[in-house]
Amino acid sequence: MAFNIALSGLNAASKDLEVTANNIANTGTTGFKGSRAEFAELFSSAGGNLSANAIGSGVRLAHVAQQFAAGNPETTGNSFDFAINGTGFFTMRDGKGYSYTRAGAFHPDSDGYVINSSLQRLQVFAPAGNGFDTSKLSDLRVTSAQSAAKASSNVALTMNLASDSTPPATTPFDPTNADSYNQVAPFTAYDSLGATHNGTVYFVKGAAANTWDAYLYVDGVSAGAPQTVTFTTSGALATPAGGKLNFGGLSVSPGADPMALSVDLTKTTQFGNTSSLDAVYPDGYPSGTLSGIDVSDQGVVQAKYSNGQSVSLGQIALANFGNLQGLRQLDNTSWAASFDSGAAIMGGAGQGTFGSVQSGALEASNTADLTAQLVNMIKAQRNYQANAQVISTDDKLTQTIINIRN
């Protein structure tokens, strides 16, 4: 009997060593969650047949429990690496359904879908209005399509026109002759196809007090007749009403829509004896190519383009469960929902109990600190040696009995 009890102890110690060895082997595995071997005593009978002085029949491996403590985030600098600071799992999808992981090492495939090493696609909540549609999941996709251009329609000027300016001596106005105007405001504009054009607003002091004429030229071509700008005696803009000069449409390039520009003078003044151009804010932008992605703490993924624009691609969908120990393990870093775990509770990062998402980082294995694992290994080794000693002792007792009978 003691042989069998000690043998079960050897098997249990061996299983404990296997679990510990697996934990140690995966210290470098991203998002790995270590396991703990849990044991239970064996009896030859149970229930009402178990007497008060019954001796156990050994030990058995009752359960290998996953330890879901978070690992430390490690910075990688790769924009497609994500780590969760707090609770939650990334939601993945393939042909077999949904699975859940803490391993955030992703990359785009040839079609732009963001996948992991198992070719599973990362799930997000798709953009909807000013937020995201949390009622359904979709694959995160980063396309290489260009960002469309936006035609310029307005240029805002922050400037001052000298109050003691006098009408130019050279007349009439000629954009090629600097002596025929008092102040100039150059800017860059874009047509509907994203082509760049050079725009200039020229200011010529009028004969009447506090009066100016504004001329708009694009690529050296006049955008129409000059428009009058007037100021009050305190230097504030009086006209145009609303502060904007609206020039007619101007054909700037074949195939593009006519460019109709307005010049916003609401931040233009007439003070002192020095004219100055402080800032020019034209709207519009050229087409742009994808330059990378950006992920916020809330898991909002945005595509960044070379023209300075960004497009929201979705919010990373995180999952949590009422009973983590009920999850069905698929591999060392991936799990599936089960009856015991309950259905996945979905949400966005930073909402409720869900943690935040850190871009450019990966969650290290929670067994990366080897101290506890090495202690467990020593304990398992001693347990193995002790059970082996029991077998050796029982063998000596048996041999003694045999010698007595002889």
Protein backbone atom coordinates (compact mmCIF):
# COMPACT_ATOMS: atom_id res chain seq x y z
CA MET A 1 0.00 0.00 0.00
CA ALA A 2 2.78 2.45 0.89
CA PHE A 3 4.38 1.72 -2.49
CA ASN A 4 1.24 2.91 -4.32
CA ILE A 5 0.82 5.95 -2.08
CA ALA A 6 4.43 7.00 -2.62
CA LEU A 7 4.08 6.31 -6.36
CA SER A 8 1.13 8.69 -6.54
CA GLY A 9 3.28 11.23 -4.72
CA LEU A 10 6.05 10.77 -7.30
CA ASN A 11 3.56 11.31 -10.12
CA ALA A 12 2.15 14.42 -8.41
CA ALA A 13 5.62 15.88 -7.84
CA SER A 14 6.47 15.14 -11.46
CA LYS A 15 3.32 16.98 -12.64
CA ASP A 16 4.20 19.90 -10.36
CA LEU A 17 7.66 20.02 -11.93
CA GLU A 18 6.11 19.95 -15.43
CA VAL A 19 3.84 22.91 -14.64
CA THR A 20 6.75 24.84 -13.14
CA ALA A 21 8.97 23.97 -16.10
CA ASN A 22 6.30 25.26 -18.49
CA ASN A 23 6.08 28.52 -16.51
CA ILE A 24 9.84 28.96 -16.66
CA ALA A 25 10.00 28.07 -20.37
CA ASN A 26 7.47 30.83 -21.14
CA THR A 27 9.07 33.67 -19.20
CA GLY A 28 9.67 35.40 -22.53
CA THR A 29 6.25 34.67 -24.04
CA THR A 30 4.20 37.85 -24.53
CA GLY A 31 0.94 37.82 -22.58
CA PHE A 32 1.65 34.39 -21.03
CA LYS A 33 -0.23 33.52 -17.85
CA GLY A 34 1.47 31.07 -15.52
CA SER A 35 -0.25 28.01 -14.10
CA ARG A 36 -0.42 26.44 -10.67
CA ALA A 37 -0.78 22.71 -10.02
CA GLU A 38 -3.49 21.98 -7.44
CA PHE A 39 -3.69 18.55 -5.76
CA ALA A 40 -6.28 16.54 -3.84
CA GLU A 41 -6.03 13.60 -1.45
CA LEU A 42 -7.15 10.14 -2.60
CA PHE A 43 -9.23 7.70 -0.54
CA SER A 44 -10.10 4.12 -1.40
CA SER A 45 -13.67 4.83 -0.29
CA ALA A 46 -15.66 8.00 0.21
CA GLY A 47 -18.84 9.45 1.64
CA GLY A 48 -20.54 7.48 4.37
CA ASN A 49 -18.05 4.60 4.02
CA LEU A 50 -15.13 6.77 5.09
CA SER A 51 -14.20 5.84 8.67
CA ALA A 52 -12.74 8.25 11.22
CA ASN A 53 -9.36 6.54 11.14
CA ALA A 54 -9.13 6.03 7.38
CA ILE A 55 -5.74 6.63 5.82
CA GLY A 56 -5.56 8.25 2.40
CA SER A 57 -4.51 6.31 -0.65
CA GLY A 58 -2.25 9.02 -2.04
CA VAL A 59 -2.61 12.19 -4.05
CA ARG A 60 -3.90 13.18 -7.47
CA LEU A 61 -3.64 16.24 -9.70
CA ALA A 62 -6.99 17.97 -9.23
CA HIS A 63 -6.58 21.04 -11.43
CA VAL A 64 -4.03 23.15 -13.28
CA ALA A 65 -5.24 26.66 -12.51
CA GLN A 66 -4.29 29.64 -14.67
CA GLN A 67 -2.96 32.65 -12.80
CA PHE A 68 -4.34 35.75 -14.51
CA ALA A 69 -2.23 38.33 -12.71
CA ALA A 70 -1.04 41.04 -15.11
CA GLY A 71 2.49 41.09 -16.40
CA ASN A 72 4.56 44.25 -16.65
CA PRO A 73 4.22 46.33 -19.86
CA GLU A 74 7.43 46.55 -21.86
CA THR A 75 7.93 49.37 -24.37
CA THR A 76 8.66 48.27 -27.94
CA GLY A 77 8.08 51.40 -30.02
CA ASN A 78 6.05 49.39 -32.56
CA SER A 79 2.71 51.15 -33.13
CA PHE A 80 0.99 47.79 -33.73
CA ASP A 81 2.00 46.44 -30.30
CA PHE A 82 -0.70 46.91 -27.64
CA ALA A 83 -0.76 46.21 -23.92
CA ILE A 84 -3.72 46.32 -21.53
CA ASN A 85 -3.09 48.12 -18.26
CA GLY A 86 -5.76 46.59 -16.04
CA THR A 87 -8.48 44.03 -16.67
CA GLY A 88 -9.72 42.78 -20.01
CA PHE A 89 -8.72 40.70 -23.03
CA PHE A 90 -8.24 41.54 -26.69
CA THR A 91 -10.99 39.96 -28.80
CA MET A 92 -9.81 37.95 -31.81
CA ARG A 93 -11.73 36.24 -34.62
CA ASP A 94 -10.96 33.54 -37.16
CA GLY A 95 -12.94 30.86 -39.01
CA LYS A 96 -13.54 29.00 -35.75
CA GLY A 97 -15.10 31.94 -33.91
CA TYR A 98 -13.95 34.31 -31.20
CA SER A 99 -11.06 33.88 -28.80
CA TYR A 100 -9.48 36.14 -26.18
CA THR A 101 -5.87 37.01 -25.41
CA ARG A 102 -3.59 39.40 -23.54
CA ALA A 103 -0.82 39.00 -26.12
CA GLY A 104 -0.93 42.25 -28.11
CA ALA A 105 1.74 41.63 -30.77
CA PHE A 106 -0.14 42.46 -33.98
CA HIS A 107 0.68 43.37 -37.57
CA PRO A 108 -1.29 44.15 -40.75
CA ASP A 109 -1.65 41.43 -43.39
CA SER A 110 -1.55 41.96 -47.16
CA ASP A 111 -5.18 43.16 -47.10
CA GLY A 112 -4.62 45.58 -44.23
CA TYR A 113 -6.37 43.51 -41.55
CA VAL A 114 -4.62 43.65 -38.18
CA ILE A 115 -3.80 40.08 -37.13
CA ASN A 116 -1.70 38.11 -34.65
CA SER A 117 0.76 35.29 -35.30
CA SER A 118 -2.15 32.82 -35.47
CA LEU A 119 -3.74 34.86 -38.31
CA GLN A 120 -6.67 35.86 -36.09
CA ARG A 121 -8.12 39.34 -36.70
CA LEU A 122 -8.29 41.96 -33.96
CA GLN A 123 -11.86 43.09 -33.24
CA VAL A 124 -13.02 46.69 -32.79
CA PHE A 125 -16.23 48.67 -32.43
CA ALA A 126 -16.79 50.46 -35.75
CA PRO A 127 -17.18 54.26 -35.88
CA ALA A 128 -20.79 55.46 -35.75
CA GLY A 129 -21.62 59.17 -35.74
CA ASN A 130 -19.54 60.87 -33.07
CA GLY A 131 -18.86 57.59 -31.23
CA PHE A 132 -18.68 53.86 -31.83
CA ASP A 133 -21.23 51.11 -32.38
CA THR A 134 -20.72 48.84 -29.35
CA SER A 135 -23.53 46.50 -30.42
CA LYS A 136 -21.39 44.58 -32.90
CA LEU A 137 -17.78 43.71 -33.64
CA SER A 138 -15.81 44.25 -36.82
CA ASP A 139 -12.30 43.48 -38.04
CA LEU A 140 -9.73 46.25 -37.62
CA ARG A 141 -8.43 47.16 -41.06
CA VAL A 142 -5.76 49.70 -41.98
CA THR A 143 -5.88 50.48 -45.69
CA SER A 144 -3.15 52.12 -47.73
CA ALA A 145 -5.64 54.23 -49.70
CA GLN A 146 -4.76 57.90 -49.88
CA SER A 147 -6.56 60.49 -47.82
CA ALA A 148 -8.62 62.71 -50.15
CA ALA A 149 -7.66 66.32 -50.69
CA LYS A 150 -9.82 69.23 -49.52
CA ALA A 151 -10.07 72.40 -51.59
CA SER A 152 -9.22 75.65 -49.84
CA SER A 153 -12.18 77.97 -49.35
CA ASN A 154 -11.00 80.39 -46.69
CA VAL A 155 -7.80 82.06 -45.54
CA ALA A 156 -7.72 83.85 -42.19
CA LEU A 157 -5.24 86.66 -41.68
CA THR A 158 -3.91 87.96 -38.38
CA MET A 159 -2.26 91.27 -39.26
CA ASN A 160 -2.03 95.00 -38.66
CA LEU A 161 -2.12 97.77 -41.25
CA ALA A 162 -0.28 100.93 -40.28
CA SER A 163 -2.71 103.74 -39.47
CA ASP A 164 -0.37 106.41 -40.91
CA SER A 165 -0.02 104.68 -44.29
CA THR A 166 -0.42 106.86 -47.38
CA PRO A 167 -1.61 105.88 -50.86
CA PRO A 168 1.24 104.52 -53.01
CA ALA A 169 2.90 107.02 -55.31
CA THR A 170 2.86 104.50 -58.15
CA THR A 171 -0.51 103.92 -59.75
CA PRO A 172 -2.38 101.95 -60.91
CA PHE A 173 -1.88 98.84 -58.77
CA ASP A 174 0.50 96.29 -60.29
CA PRO A 175 1.28 93.05 -58.35
CA THR A 176 4.71 92.98 -59.98
CA ASN A 177 5.59 96.46 -58.69
CA ALA A 178 6.14 96.69 -54.93
CA ASP A 179 5.78 100.49 -55.08
CA SER A 180 2.11 100.15 -56.05
CA TYR A 181 0.90 98.53 -52.81
CA ASN A 182 1.46 98.93 -49.05
CA GLN A 183 1.20 95.42 -47.57
CA VAL A 184 1.17 91.85 -48.87
CA ALA A 185 -0.11 88.57 -47.34
CA PRO A 186 1.09 85.43 -49.18
CA PHE A 187 -0.43 81.97 -48.52
CA THR A 188 -0.69 78.46 -49.96
CA ALA A 189 -4.01 77.13 -51.24
CA TYR A 190 -5.17 73.75 -52.59
CA ASP A 191 -7.64 72.94 -55.35
CA SER A 192 -10.16 70.06 -55.30
CA LEU A 193 -7.50 67.69 -56.66
CA GLY A 194 -4.97 68.63 -53.98
CA ALA A 195 -2.67 70.62 -56.25
CA THR A 196 -0.77 73.47 -54.60
CA HIS A 197 -1.35 77.10 -55.63
CA ASN A 198 0.30 80.33 -54.51
CA GLY A 199 -2.16 82.95 -53.28
CA THR A 200 -1.48 86.56 -52.35
CA VAL A 201 -3.62 89.32 -50.85
CA TYR A 202 -2.38 92.84 -51.63
CA PHE A 203 -3.48 95.85 -49.58
CA VAL A 204 -3.44 99.32 -51.10
CA LYS A 205 -4.16 102.42 -48.97
CA GLY A 206 -7.13 104.37 -50.33
CA ALA A 207 -7.46 108.13 -50.62
CA ALA A 208 -10.15 108.29 -47.93
CA ALA A 209 -9.19 108.01 -44.28
CA ASN A 210 -9.14 104.45 -42.80
CA THR A 211 -9.89 102.96 -46.23
CA TRP A 212 -8.00 100.20 -48.06
CA ASP A 213 -8.40 98.20 -51.28
CA ALA A 214 -7.75 94.44 -51.14
CA TYR A 215 -6.69 92.49 -54.25
CA LEU A 216 -6.57 88.67 -54.40
CA TYR A 217 -4.28 86.89 -56.87
CA VAL A 218 -3.79 83.12 -57.27
CA ASP A 219 -0.78 81.95 -59.29
CA GLY A 220 -0.48 85.51 -60.59
CA VAL A 221 -4.07 85.61 -61.86
CA SER A 222 -6.57 88.12 -60.42
CA ALA A 223 -9.55 86.66 -58.58
CA GLY A 224 -11.77 89.58 -59.55
CA ALA A 225 -12.22 93.22 -58.77
CA PRO A 226 -10.65 94.72 -55.63
CA GLN A 227 -12.78 94.98 -52.49
CA THR A 228 -12.90 97.82 -50.01
CA VAL A 229 -11.82 97.41 -46.38
CA THR A 230 -12.50 100.14 -43.80
CA PHE A 231 -11.60 100.65 -40.15
CA THR A 232 -13.10 102.73 -37.37
CA THR A 233 -11.26 105.65 -35.81
CA SER A 234 -10.26 103.31 -32.99
CA GLY A 235 -8.51 100.91 -35.41
CA ALA A 236 -11.13 98.12 -35.42
CA LEU A 237 -12.42 96.52 -38.60
CA ALA A 238 -15.62 98.19 -39.84
CA THR A 239 -16.24 96.57 -43.23
CA PRO A 240 -16.72 94.11 -44.79
CA ALA A 241 -19.73 93.01 -42.74
CA GLY A 242 -18.87 89.78 -40.97
CA GLY A 243 -15.18 90.38 -41.57
CA LYS A 244 -14.90 88.30 -44.77
CA LEU A 245 -14.04 89.32 -48.30
CA ASN A 246 -15.72 86.93 -50.75
CA PHE A 247 -14.06 86.68 -54.15
CA GLY A 248 -15.61 84.90 -57.11
CA GLY A 249 -14.62 81.51 -58.45
CA LEU A 250 -11.29 81.22 -60.21
CA SER A 251 -10.28 78.43 -62.57
CA VAL A 252 -6.87 77.32 -61.34
CA SER A 253 -6.14 74.03 -63.12
CA PRO A 254 -7.75 71.71 -65.70
CA GLY A 255 -10.00 69.07 -64.15
CA ALA A 256 -10.29 70.82 -60.78
CA ASP A 257 -13.30 72.72 -59.52
CA PRO A 258 -13.06 76.54 -59.64
CA MET A 259 -11.49 77.87 -56.46
CA ALA A 260 -13.73 80.29 -54.57
CA LEU A 261 -11.75 81.85 -51.75
CA SER A 262 -12.87 84.13 -48.95
CA VAL A 263 -10.40 86.20 -46.93
CA ASP A 264 -11.18 86.42 -43.21
CA LEU A 265 -10.06 89.77 -41.76
CA THR A 266 -11.75 89.50 -38.34
CA LYS A 267 -8.32 89.58 -36.68
CA THR A 268 -7.01 92.47 -38.77
CA THR A 269 -6.47 95.89 -37.16
CA GLN A 270 -5.23 99.35 -38.09
CA PHE A 271 -2.92 100.68 -35.36
CA GLY A 272 0.36 102.55 -35.06
CA ASN A 273 2.83 103.25 -37.80
CA THR A 274 4.02 99.72 -38.63
CA SER A 275 2.28 97.12 -40.81
CA SER A 276 2.84 93.48 -39.90
CA LEU A 277 1.60 90.06 -40.93
CA ASP A 278 1.50 87.84 -37.82
CA ALA A 279 -0.22 84.68 -38.99
CA VAL A 280 -1.90 83.13 -42.03
CA TYR A 281 -4.37 80.26 -41.63
CA PRO A 282 -5.55 78.84 -44.97
CA ASP A 283 -7.84 75.84 -44.86
CA GLY A 284 -7.72 72.90 -47.24
CA TYR A 285 -5.00 70.29 -47.63
CA PRO A 286 -3.50 68.03 -50.30
CA SER A 287 -4.04 64.30 -50.60
CA GLY A 288 -2.01 62.25 -48.14
CA THR A 289 -0.51 58.80 -47.79
CA LEU A 290 -0.75 56.61 -44.71
CA SER A 291 2.12 57.41 -42.34
CA GLY A 292 1.11 55.26 -39.35
CA ILE A 293 -1.51 54.67 -36.71
CA ASP A 294 -2.17 56.16 -33.32
CA VAL A 295 -3.97 54.46 -30.43
CA SER A 296 -5.35 56.38 -27.45
CA ASP A 297 -5.68 55.12 -23.88
CA GLN A 298 -9.34 54.41 -24.69
CA GLY A 299 -8.27 52.08 -27.49
CA VAL A 300 -9.39 54.42 -30.29
CA VAL A 301 -7.35 53.57 -33.39
CA GLN A 302 -6.69 56.39 -35.85
CA ALA A 303 -4.93 56.26 -39.20
CA LYS A 304 -2.48 59.15 -39.60
CA TYR A 305 -1.77 60.62 -43.04
CA SER A 306 1.08 62.70 -44.42
CA ASN A 307 -1.25 65.68 -44.97
CA GLY A 308 -1.85 65.98 -41.22
CA GLN A 309 -5.29 64.41 -41.32
CA SER A 310 -6.47 61.43 -39.27
CA VAL A 311 -9.32 58.97 -39.70
CA SER A 312 -10.86 56.94 -36.87
CA LEU A 313 -10.80 53.21 -37.68
CA GLY A 314 -12.55 51.92 -34.56
CA GLN A 315 -12.23 51.33 -30.84
CA ILE A 316 -10.48 48.17 -29.66
CA ALA A 317 -13.09 45.82 -28.20
CA LEU A 318 -12.10 44.44 -24.79
CA ALA A 319 -13.73 41.44 -23.13
CA ASN A 320 -14.04 40.31 -19.53
CA PHE A 321 -15.65 37.33 -17.80
CA GLY A 322 -17.42 36.63 -14.55
CA ASN A 323 -15.25 33.56 -13.87
CA LEU A 324 -11.78 33.67 -15.40
CA GLN A 325 -10.96 30.18 -14.16
CA GLY A 326 -13.84 28.89 -16.27
CA LEU A 327 -12.17 29.98 -19.52
CA ARG A 328 -11.22 27.16 -21.86
CA GLN A 329 -7.54 27.38 -22.68
CA LEU A 330 -6.68 27.15 -26.37
CA ASP A 331 -2.94 27.70 -25.99
CA ASN A 332 -0.61 29.53 -23.62
CA THR A 333 -1.90 32.97 -24.58
CA SER A 334 -5.40 32.39 -25.92
CA TRP A 335 -8.69 31.36 -24.32
CA ALA A 336 -12.28 30.70 -25.35
CA ALA A 337 -15.48 31.33 -23.44
CA SER A 338 -17.22 28.35 -21.83
CA PHE A 339 -20.34 27.64 -19.80
CA ASP A 340 -18.29 27.98 -16.60
CA SER A 341 -16.74 31.33 -17.57
CA GLY A 342 -20.00 32.84 -18.73
CA ALA A 343 -20.51 34.93 -21.83
CA ALA A 344 -18.00 37.65 -22.68
CA ILE A 345 -18.74 41.10 -21.23
CA MET A 346 -17.74 43.55 -23.96
CA GLY A 347 -16.67 47.17 -23.57
CA GLY A 348 -14.18 49.84 -24.51
CA ALA A 349 -10.91 50.59 -22.75
CA GLY A 350 -11.24 52.87 -19.75
CA GLN A 351 -14.96 52.13 -19.42
CA GLY A 352 -16.27 50.50 -16.24
CA THR A 353 -13.81 47.92 -14.97
CA PHE A 354 -11.83 47.69 -18.21
CA GLY A 355 -8.21 48.78 -18.21
CA SER A 356 -6.57 51.22 -20.60
CA VAL A 357 -4.71 50.36 -23.80
CA GLN A 358 -1.03 51.27 -24.15
CA SER A 359 0.30 51.54 -27.69
CA GLY A 360 3.89 50.65 -28.51
CA ALA A 361 4.16 48.17 -25.63
CA LEU A 362 3.64 44.48 -24.90
CA GLU A 363 2.59 42.76 -21.70
CA ALA A 364 5.38 40.53 -20.43
CA SER A 365 4.77 37.05 -19.06
CA ASN A 366 3.59 37.10 -15.45
CA THR A 367 6.27 34.46 -14.75
CA ALA A 368 9.08 36.80 -15.83
CA ASP A 369 10.09 37.12 -12.16
CA LEU A 370 11.68 33.68 -11.75
CA THR A 371 12.06 33.79 -7.97
CA ALA A 372 8.68 32.21 -7.20
CA GLN A 373 9.09 29.63 -9.98
CA LEU A 374 12.50 28.53 -8.72
CA VAL A 375 11.11 28.17 -5.19
CA ASN A 376 8.28 26.01 -6.55
CA MET A 377 10.81 23.91 -8.43
CA ILE A 378 12.83 23.30 -5.24
CA LYS A 379 9.66 22.30 -3.38
CA ALA A 380 8.60 19.88 -6.12
CA GLN A 381 12.10 18.40 -6.20
CA ARG A 382 12.07 17.82 -2.43
CA ASN A 383 8.60 16.27 -2.63
CA TYR A 384 9.86 13.92 -5.31
CA GLN A 385 12.90 12.96 -3.22
CA ALA A 386 10.76 12.43 -0.12
CA ASN A 387 8.35 10.10 -1.94
CA ALA A 388 11.28 8.22 -3.44
CA GLN A 389 12.64 7.83 0.10
CA VAL A 390 9.27 6.39 1.22
CA ILE A 391 9.51 3.75 -1.52
CA SER A 392 13.08 2.97 -0.47
CA THR A 393 12.06 2.67 3.19
CA ASP A 394 9.05 0.48 2.38
CA ASP A 395 11.31 -1.71 0.26
CA LYS A 396 13.66 -2.19 3.25
CA LEU A 397 10.74 -3.09 5.51
CA THR A 398 9.48 -5.63 3.01
CA GLN A 399 12.94 -7.10 2.68
CA THR A 400 13.22 -7.35 6.49
CA ILE A 401 9.93 -9.25 6.67
CA ILE A 402 11.10 -11.60 3.94
CA ASN A 403 14.37 -12.22 5.81
CA ILE A 404 12.46 -12.97 9.05
CA ARG A 405 10.32 -15.57 7.31
CA ASN A 406 13.41 -17.17 5.87
